[in-house]
N, C-alpha and C. Protein backbone atom coordinates (compact mmCIF):
# COMPACT_ATOMS: atom_id res chain seq x y z
N MET A 1 83.73 129.06 73.99
CA MET A 1 83.88 129.09 75.45
C MET A 1 82.55 128.69 76.09
N SER A 2 82.64 127.82 77.07
CA SER A 2 81.42 127.34 77.69
C SER A 2 80.86 128.37 78.66
N GLU A 3 79.60 128.19 78.98
CA GLU A 3 78.93 129.07 79.93
C GLU A 3 79.54 128.88 81.32
N MET A 4 79.61 129.98 82.07
CA MET A 4 80.10 129.90 83.44
C MET A 4 79.03 129.23 84.31
N HIS A 5 79.47 128.43 85.28
CA HIS A 5 78.56 127.77 86.20
C HIS A 5 77.68 128.85 86.85
N PRO A 6 76.37 128.61 86.98
CA PRO A 6 75.47 129.63 87.54
C PRO A 6 75.88 130.09 88.95
N THR A 7 76.44 129.20 89.74
CA THR A 7 76.85 129.58 91.10
C THR A 7 78.04 130.53 91.05
N ALA A 8 78.99 130.28 90.15
CA ALA A 8 80.15 131.18 90.00
C ALA A 8 79.69 132.53 89.45
N LEU A 9 78.75 132.50 88.53
CA LEU A 9 78.20 133.74 87.97
C LEU A 9 77.48 134.55 89.05
N ARG A 10 76.70 133.86 89.89
CA ARG A 10 76.01 134.54 90.99
C ARG A 10 77.02 135.19 91.93
N PHE A 11 78.10 134.46 92.26
CA PHE A 11 79.13 135.05 93.11
C PHE A 11 79.71 136.30 92.46
N GLN A 12 80.06 136.20 91.19
CA GLN A 12 80.69 137.33 90.49
C GLN A 12 79.78 138.56 90.53
N GLU A 13 78.49 138.36 90.30
CA GLU A 13 77.54 139.48 90.35
C GLU A 13 77.46 140.08 91.75
N ARG A 14 77.45 139.23 92.78
CA ARG A 14 77.39 139.73 94.16
C ARG A 14 78.67 140.46 94.54
N ALA A 15 79.81 139.96 94.10
CA ALA A 15 81.09 140.63 94.39
C ALA A 15 81.11 142.01 93.75
N GLN A 16 80.64 142.09 92.51
CA GLN A 16 80.61 143.38 91.83
C GLN A 16 79.64 144.34 92.51
N ALA A 17 78.54 143.83 93.02
CA ALA A 17 77.58 144.66 93.75
C ALA A 17 78.21 145.21 95.03
N ALA A 18 79.18 144.46 95.60
CA ALA A 18 79.88 144.90 96.81
C ALA A 18 81.06 145.82 96.48
N GLY A 19 81.22 146.14 95.18
CA GLY A 19 82.28 147.06 94.77
C GLY A 19 83.59 146.37 94.44
N LEU A 20 83.56 145.06 94.28
CA LEU A 20 84.77 144.30 93.97
C LEU A 20 84.71 143.85 92.52
N ASP A 21 85.53 144.46 91.68
CA ASP A 21 85.51 144.16 90.25
C ASP A 21 86.42 142.96 89.97
N VAL A 22 85.86 141.77 90.08
CA VAL A 22 86.63 140.55 89.86
C VAL A 22 85.94 139.68 88.81
N ARG A 23 86.73 138.79 88.24
CA ARG A 23 86.23 137.85 87.24
C ARG A 23 86.52 136.44 87.71
N ALA A 24 85.48 135.65 87.87
CA ALA A 24 85.65 134.24 88.23
C ALA A 24 86.24 133.50 87.04
N GLN A 25 87.15 132.59 87.34
CA GLN A 25 87.75 131.73 86.32
C GLN A 25 87.41 130.29 86.68
N GLU A 26 86.92 129.55 85.71
CA GLU A 26 86.63 128.15 85.97
C GLU A 26 87.81 127.32 85.49
N LEU A 27 88.34 126.51 86.39
CA LEU A 27 89.50 125.68 86.09
C LEU A 27 89.05 124.31 85.62
N SER A 28 89.87 123.69 84.79
CA SER A 28 89.52 122.35 84.32
C SER A 28 89.73 121.32 85.43
N GLU A 29 90.63 121.63 86.37
CA GLU A 29 90.85 120.71 87.48
C GLU A 29 90.27 121.31 88.76
N SER A 30 90.14 120.48 89.78
CA SER A 30 89.58 120.92 91.05
C SER A 30 90.52 121.88 91.77
N ALA A 31 89.92 122.84 92.43
CA ALA A 31 90.68 123.74 93.30
C ALA A 31 90.08 123.66 94.70
N ARG A 32 89.57 122.48 95.05
CA ARG A 32 88.89 122.28 96.34
C ARG A 32 89.86 122.46 97.50
N THR A 33 91.12 122.03 97.33
CA THR A 33 92.10 122.22 98.39
C THR A 33 93.05 123.35 98.01
N ALA A 34 93.72 123.90 99.01
CA ALA A 34 94.67 124.99 98.75
C ALA A 34 95.80 124.53 97.85
N VAL A 35 96.29 123.32 98.04
CA VAL A 35 97.39 122.81 97.21
C VAL A 35 96.94 122.69 95.76
N GLU A 36 95.73 122.11 95.55
CA GLU A 36 95.21 121.98 94.18
C GLU A 36 95.04 123.35 93.53
N ALA A 37 94.52 124.30 94.28
CA ALA A 37 94.30 125.64 93.73
C ALA A 37 95.61 126.32 93.37
N ALA A 38 96.60 126.24 94.26
CA ALA A 38 97.90 126.87 93.99
C ALA A 38 98.55 126.26 92.75
N ASP A 39 98.48 124.93 92.64
CA ASP A 39 99.02 124.26 91.46
C ASP A 39 98.29 124.71 90.19
N ALA A 40 96.99 124.81 90.27
CA ALA A 40 96.17 125.14 89.10
C ALA A 40 96.43 126.56 88.59
N VAL A 41 96.61 127.51 89.50
CA VAL A 41 96.78 128.91 89.07
C VAL A 41 98.24 129.36 89.05
N GLY A 42 99.14 128.54 89.59
CA GLY A 42 100.56 128.86 89.54
C GLY A 42 100.98 129.96 90.51
N CYS A 43 100.47 129.89 91.74
CA CYS A 43 100.87 130.89 92.74
C CYS A 43 101.44 130.18 93.96
N GLU A 44 101.94 130.96 94.91
CA GLU A 44 102.42 130.40 96.17
C GLU A 44 101.24 129.85 96.96
N LEU A 45 101.47 128.80 97.72
CA LEU A 45 100.41 128.19 98.52
C LEU A 45 99.77 129.21 99.46
N GLY A 46 100.56 130.08 100.06
CA GLY A 46 100.02 131.08 100.99
C GLY A 46 99.09 132.08 100.35
N GLN A 47 99.16 132.25 99.03
CA GLN A 47 98.29 133.20 98.33
C GLN A 47 96.87 132.67 98.14
N ILE A 48 96.68 131.39 98.41
CA ILE A 48 95.35 130.81 98.33
C ILE A 48 94.62 131.13 99.63
N VAL A 49 93.45 131.76 99.51
CA VAL A 49 92.65 132.09 100.69
C VAL A 49 91.71 130.94 100.97
N LYS A 50 91.87 130.34 102.15
CA LYS A 50 90.96 129.28 102.57
C LYS A 50 89.78 129.95 103.27
N SER A 51 88.58 129.64 102.81
CA SER A 51 87.36 130.13 103.45
C SER A 51 86.82 129.01 104.32
N VAL A 52 86.91 129.18 105.63
CA VAL A 52 86.50 128.14 106.58
C VAL A 52 85.33 128.68 107.39
N VAL A 53 84.19 127.99 107.32
CA VAL A 53 83.02 128.42 108.07
C VAL A 53 83.01 127.69 109.41
N LEU A 54 82.93 128.47 110.47
CA LEU A 54 82.95 127.94 111.84
C LEU A 54 81.65 128.30 112.54
N GLN A 55 81.43 127.67 113.68
CA GLN A 55 80.26 127.96 114.50
C GLN A 55 80.76 128.39 115.87
N ASP A 56 80.26 129.53 116.35
CA ASP A 56 80.70 130.00 117.67
C ASP A 56 79.90 129.31 118.77
N ALA A 57 80.26 129.59 120.01
CA ALA A 57 79.63 128.92 121.16
C ALA A 57 78.13 129.18 121.21
N GLY A 58 77.67 130.30 120.65
CA GLY A 58 76.26 130.63 120.64
C GLY A 58 75.50 130.05 119.47
N GLY A 59 76.19 129.30 118.59
CA GLY A 59 75.53 128.67 117.46
C GLY A 59 75.56 129.49 116.19
N GLU A 60 76.12 130.72 116.23
CA GLU A 60 76.19 131.56 115.04
C GLU A 60 77.36 131.13 114.15
N LEU A 61 77.15 131.19 112.85
CA LEU A 61 78.24 130.87 111.92
C LEU A 61 79.10 132.10 111.71
N LEU A 62 80.39 131.85 111.51
CA LEU A 62 81.30 132.92 111.15
C LEU A 62 82.26 132.38 110.11
N LEU A 63 82.80 133.28 109.32
CA LEU A 63 83.71 132.90 108.24
C LEU A 63 85.12 133.32 108.62
N CYS A 64 86.05 132.38 108.47
CA CYS A 64 87.47 132.70 108.69
C CYS A 64 88.18 132.57 107.36
N LEU A 65 88.95 133.58 107.02
CA LEU A 65 89.76 133.56 105.80
C LEU A 65 91.20 133.42 106.22
N GLY A 66 91.83 132.33 105.79
CA GLY A 66 93.21 132.07 106.16
C GLY A 66 94.07 131.79 104.95
N ALA A 67 95.38 131.92 105.14
CA ALA A 67 96.34 131.63 104.07
C ALA A 67 96.46 130.13 103.86
N GLY A 68 96.64 129.72 102.63
CA GLY A 68 96.72 128.31 102.27
C GLY A 68 97.87 127.56 102.93
N ASP A 69 98.90 128.27 103.37
CA ASP A 69 100.04 127.61 104.00
C ASP A 69 100.00 127.68 105.52
N ARG A 70 98.87 128.09 106.07
CA ARG A 70 98.71 128.18 107.52
C ARG A 70 97.46 127.43 107.94
N ARG A 71 97.41 127.04 109.21
CA ARG A 71 96.25 126.35 109.75
C ARG A 71 95.54 127.29 110.71
N ILE A 72 94.24 127.45 110.54
CA ILE A 72 93.47 128.31 111.44
C ILE A 72 93.41 127.65 112.81
N ASP A 73 93.74 128.42 113.83
CA ASP A 73 93.73 127.95 115.21
C ASP A 73 92.37 128.33 115.81
N LEU A 74 91.51 127.33 116.01
CA LEU A 74 90.15 127.61 116.48
C LEU A 74 90.14 128.37 117.81
N GLU A 75 91.09 128.08 118.69
CA GLU A 75 91.14 128.78 119.98
C GLU A 75 91.44 130.26 119.81
N ARG A 76 92.24 130.61 118.79
CA ARG A 76 92.53 132.03 118.54
C ARG A 76 91.31 132.75 117.97
N VAL A 77 90.45 132.00 117.29
CA VAL A 77 89.24 132.61 116.73
C VAL A 77 88.27 132.96 117.85
N GLY A 78 88.09 132.04 118.79
CA GLY A 78 87.19 132.31 119.91
C GLY A 78 86.93 131.06 120.72
N GLU A 79 86.53 131.27 121.96
CA GLU A 79 86.25 130.15 122.86
C GLU A 79 85.01 129.39 122.38
N GLY A 80 85.12 128.07 122.35
CA GLY A 80 83.98 127.23 121.98
C GLY A 80 83.70 127.18 120.49
N VAL A 81 84.62 127.67 119.65
CA VAL A 81 84.42 127.67 118.20
C VAL A 81 84.70 126.27 117.65
N THR A 82 83.81 125.81 116.77
CA THR A 82 83.96 124.50 116.14
C THR A 82 83.71 124.64 114.64
N MET A 83 84.03 123.59 113.90
CA MET A 83 83.76 123.58 112.47
C MET A 83 82.24 123.51 112.26
N ALA A 84 81.75 124.25 111.29
CA ALA A 84 80.32 124.22 110.97
C ALA A 84 80.01 122.98 110.14
N ARG A 85 78.78 122.52 110.22
CA ARG A 85 78.34 121.37 109.42
C ARG A 85 78.09 121.83 107.99
N GLY A 86 78.42 120.93 107.05
CA GLY A 86 78.27 121.24 105.63
C GLY A 86 76.88 121.73 105.26
N ARG A 87 75.86 121.11 105.82
CA ARG A 87 74.48 121.50 105.51
C ARG A 87 74.23 122.95 105.96
N ASP A 88 74.74 123.31 107.14
CA ASP A 88 74.56 124.67 107.65
C ASP A 88 75.32 125.69 106.80
N VAL A 89 76.52 125.29 106.36
CA VAL A 89 77.32 126.17 105.51
C VAL A 89 76.55 126.49 104.23
N LYS A 90 76.06 125.45 103.57
CA LYS A 90 75.32 125.62 102.31
C LYS A 90 74.05 126.45 102.52
N GLU A 91 73.34 126.16 103.62
CA GLU A 91 72.08 126.85 103.92
C GLU A 91 72.30 128.35 104.14
N GLN A 92 73.34 128.72 104.88
CA GLN A 92 73.53 130.14 105.22
C GLN A 92 74.33 130.92 104.18
N THR A 93 75.30 130.25 103.54
CA THR A 93 76.12 131.00 102.58
C THR A 93 75.58 130.90 101.16
N GLY A 94 74.90 129.78 100.85
CA GLY A 94 74.47 129.53 99.48
C GLY A 94 75.52 128.79 98.68
N TYR A 95 76.62 128.40 99.32
CA TYR A 95 77.72 127.73 98.65
C TYR A 95 78.13 126.50 99.44
N ALA A 96 78.57 125.46 98.72
CA ALA A 96 79.02 124.24 99.37
C ALA A 96 80.48 124.38 99.80
N ILE A 97 80.85 123.62 100.84
CA ILE A 97 82.25 123.59 101.29
C ILE A 97 83.14 123.24 100.10
N GLY A 98 84.26 123.94 99.97
CA GLY A 98 85.16 123.74 98.84
C GLY A 98 85.00 124.83 97.80
N GLY A 99 83.91 125.58 97.89
CA GLY A 99 83.67 126.66 96.94
C GLY A 99 83.20 127.95 97.59
N VAL A 100 83.25 128.01 98.93
CA VAL A 100 82.74 129.18 99.65
C VAL A 100 83.63 130.39 99.38
N PRO A 101 83.08 131.44 98.79
CA PRO A 101 83.87 132.65 98.53
C PRO A 101 83.96 133.51 99.79
N PRO A 102 84.83 134.52 99.77
CA PRO A 102 85.00 135.36 100.95
C PRO A 102 83.85 136.34 101.22
N LEU A 103 82.99 136.55 100.24
CA LEU A 103 81.85 137.44 100.41
C LEU A 103 80.77 137.07 99.41
N GLY A 104 79.63 137.75 99.48
CA GLY A 104 78.54 137.45 98.55
C GLY A 104 77.68 136.27 98.98
N HIS A 105 77.56 136.08 100.28
CA HIS A 105 76.78 134.96 100.81
C HIS A 105 75.29 135.30 100.89
N ASP A 106 74.45 134.26 100.94
CA ASP A 106 73.01 134.47 101.09
C ASP A 106 72.71 135.23 102.38
N THR A 107 73.37 134.82 103.47
CA THR A 107 73.25 135.49 104.77
C THR A 107 74.64 136.02 105.11
N PRO A 108 74.80 137.34 105.27
CA PRO A 108 76.13 137.86 105.61
C PRO A 108 76.64 137.25 106.92
N LEU A 109 77.90 136.84 106.91
CA LEU A 109 78.52 136.24 108.09
C LEU A 109 79.59 137.17 108.64
N HIS A 110 79.72 137.19 109.98
CA HIS A 110 80.86 137.90 110.57
C HIS A 110 82.11 137.23 110.02
N THR A 111 83.07 138.02 109.57
CA THR A 111 84.27 137.47 108.93
C THR A 111 85.52 137.87 109.68
N VAL A 112 86.37 136.88 109.93
CA VAL A 112 87.68 137.09 110.55
C VAL A 112 88.73 136.74 109.50
N VAL A 113 89.65 137.67 109.25
CA VAL A 113 90.69 137.48 108.24
C VAL A 113 92.03 137.34 108.95
N ASP A 114 92.75 136.28 108.64
CA ASP A 114 94.06 136.10 109.26
C ASP A 114 95.05 137.14 108.73
N SER A 115 95.72 137.80 109.67
CA SER A 115 96.64 138.88 109.31
C SER A 115 97.84 138.39 108.51
N SER A 116 98.13 137.07 108.51
CA SER A 116 99.27 136.58 107.73
C SER A 116 99.06 136.77 106.22
N LEU A 117 97.82 136.97 105.79
CA LEU A 117 97.56 137.21 104.36
C LEU A 117 98.19 138.53 103.91
N ARG A 118 98.49 139.42 104.84
CA ARG A 118 99.11 140.71 104.52
C ARG A 118 100.47 140.55 103.82
N ARG A 119 101.03 139.33 103.87
CA ARG A 119 102.30 139.07 103.18
C ARG A 119 102.17 139.23 101.68
N PHE A 120 100.96 139.14 101.18
CA PHE A 120 100.73 139.09 99.74
C PHE A 120 99.94 140.29 99.25
N GLN A 121 100.35 140.80 98.09
CA GLN A 121 99.59 141.89 97.47
C GLN A 121 98.35 141.33 96.78
N THR A 122 98.50 140.17 96.14
CA THR A 122 97.40 139.53 95.42
C THR A 122 97.15 138.15 96.01
N VAL A 123 95.87 137.81 96.15
CA VAL A 123 95.48 136.51 96.67
C VAL A 123 94.45 135.88 95.73
N TRP A 124 94.24 134.58 95.89
CA TRP A 124 93.29 133.82 95.10
C TRP A 124 92.24 133.24 96.03
N CYS A 125 90.97 133.34 95.65
CA CYS A 125 89.86 132.89 96.49
C CYS A 125 88.91 132.02 95.69
N ALA A 126 88.13 131.21 96.41
CA ALA A 126 87.07 130.43 95.78
C ALA A 126 86.00 131.38 95.26
N ALA A 127 85.40 131.00 94.14
CA ALA A 127 84.38 131.84 93.51
C ALA A 127 83.05 131.10 93.37
N GLY A 128 82.71 130.30 94.39
CA GLY A 128 81.39 129.70 94.41
C GLY A 128 81.31 128.22 94.15
N THR A 129 82.29 127.66 93.44
CA THR A 129 82.32 126.22 93.19
C THR A 129 83.76 125.73 93.42
N PRO A 130 83.95 124.40 93.58
CA PRO A 130 85.31 123.88 93.77
C PRO A 130 86.24 124.09 92.58
N ASN A 131 85.71 124.46 91.42
CA ASN A 131 86.54 124.69 90.24
C ASN A 131 86.64 126.15 89.85
N ALA A 132 85.98 127.05 90.59
CA ALA A 132 85.98 128.46 90.22
C ALA A 132 86.79 129.26 91.24
N VAL A 133 87.68 130.11 90.73
CA VAL A 133 88.53 130.95 91.57
C VAL A 133 88.58 132.36 90.99
N PHE A 134 89.07 133.29 91.80
CA PHE A 134 89.34 134.63 91.30
C PHE A 134 90.55 135.17 92.02
N ASP A 135 91.29 136.04 91.33
CA ASP A 135 92.41 136.71 91.97
C ASP A 135 92.01 138.14 92.25
N VAL A 136 92.57 138.69 93.33
CA VAL A 136 92.19 140.03 93.77
C VAL A 136 93.32 140.62 94.60
N ARG A 137 93.47 141.92 94.53
CA ARG A 137 94.40 142.60 95.43
C ARG A 137 93.81 142.48 96.84
N LEU A 138 94.63 142.09 97.80
CA LEU A 138 94.15 141.90 99.16
C LEU A 138 93.50 143.18 99.69
N ASP A 139 94.10 144.33 99.42
CA ASP A 139 93.52 145.59 99.89
C ASP A 139 92.12 145.82 99.33
N ASP A 140 91.91 145.43 98.07
CA ASP A 140 90.58 145.59 97.46
C ASP A 140 89.58 144.63 98.11
N LEU A 141 90.02 143.40 98.39
CA LEU A 141 89.14 142.44 99.05
C LEU A 141 88.74 142.95 100.43
N LEU A 142 89.71 143.43 101.19
CA LEU A 142 89.41 143.93 102.54
C LEU A 142 88.49 145.15 102.48
N ALA A 143 88.69 146.01 101.48
CA ALA A 143 87.84 147.20 101.33
C ALA A 143 86.39 146.82 101.04
N ALA A 144 86.18 145.68 100.37
CA ALA A 144 84.83 145.21 100.04
C ALA A 144 84.17 144.52 101.24
N MET A 145 84.96 144.30 102.31
CA MET A 145 84.45 143.67 103.53
C MET A 145 84.77 144.59 104.72
N PRO A 146 84.15 145.76 104.78
CA PRO A 146 84.54 146.76 105.79
C PRO A 146 84.36 146.31 107.24
N ASP A 147 83.51 145.32 107.48
CA ASP A 147 83.28 144.87 108.85
C ASP A 147 84.16 143.69 109.24
N ALA A 148 85.05 143.26 108.34
CA ALA A 148 85.91 142.11 108.62
C ALA A 148 86.87 142.44 109.76
N ASP A 149 87.18 141.44 110.53
CA ASP A 149 88.06 141.54 111.69
C ASP A 149 89.40 140.95 111.29
N LEU A 150 90.42 141.79 111.07
CA LEU A 150 91.75 141.36 110.66
C LEU A 150 92.62 141.13 111.88
N ARG A 151 92.98 139.86 112.13
CA ARG A 151 93.83 139.56 113.29
C ARG A 151 94.54 138.22 113.09
N ASP A 152 95.46 137.91 114.00
CA ASP A 152 96.26 136.69 113.91
C ASP A 152 95.46 135.51 114.43
N ILE A 153 95.04 134.63 113.52
CA ILE A 153 94.24 133.46 113.93
C ILE A 153 94.86 132.15 113.45
N ALA A 154 96.08 132.20 112.93
CA ALA A 154 96.67 130.99 112.33
C ALA A 154 97.97 130.58 113.01
N GLU A 155 98.22 129.28 112.91
CA GLU A 155 99.52 128.73 113.32
C GLU A 155 100.42 128.80 112.11
N SER A 156 101.70 129.15 112.31
CA SER A 156 102.59 129.20 111.15
C SER A 156 103.14 127.84 110.83
């Protein structure tokens, strides 16, 4: 078995430090998109958690976690919210777009979780790289992010 990518390993260690006992899995194919990830792990598209980094009107980054079968509605997140630039995402989270996990970032980000994820007991999230994922009980993920804001931010 090959060594785990250092970025996925770093994520796994940070998740465990936050009280989330998860194991990153490296896939042979890309899981950069929700469709690719669902196909790779064999789950429903909605069980894939999309980690989308946005910038608020004041310039602060925030993380939105949405279901793979829904589109995050920027207006529901907040007034003046836009997509963050890739360079800023990497600089603040420590992870590149396509591999941003829901927690364990270099700089903690305010996190908004779409309430539609409540449909699922287990979800799949990025684990630091476009090929690394982990599965987790949604309740356990939310417990590891006590300051997360759970609300309806997606279009069905």
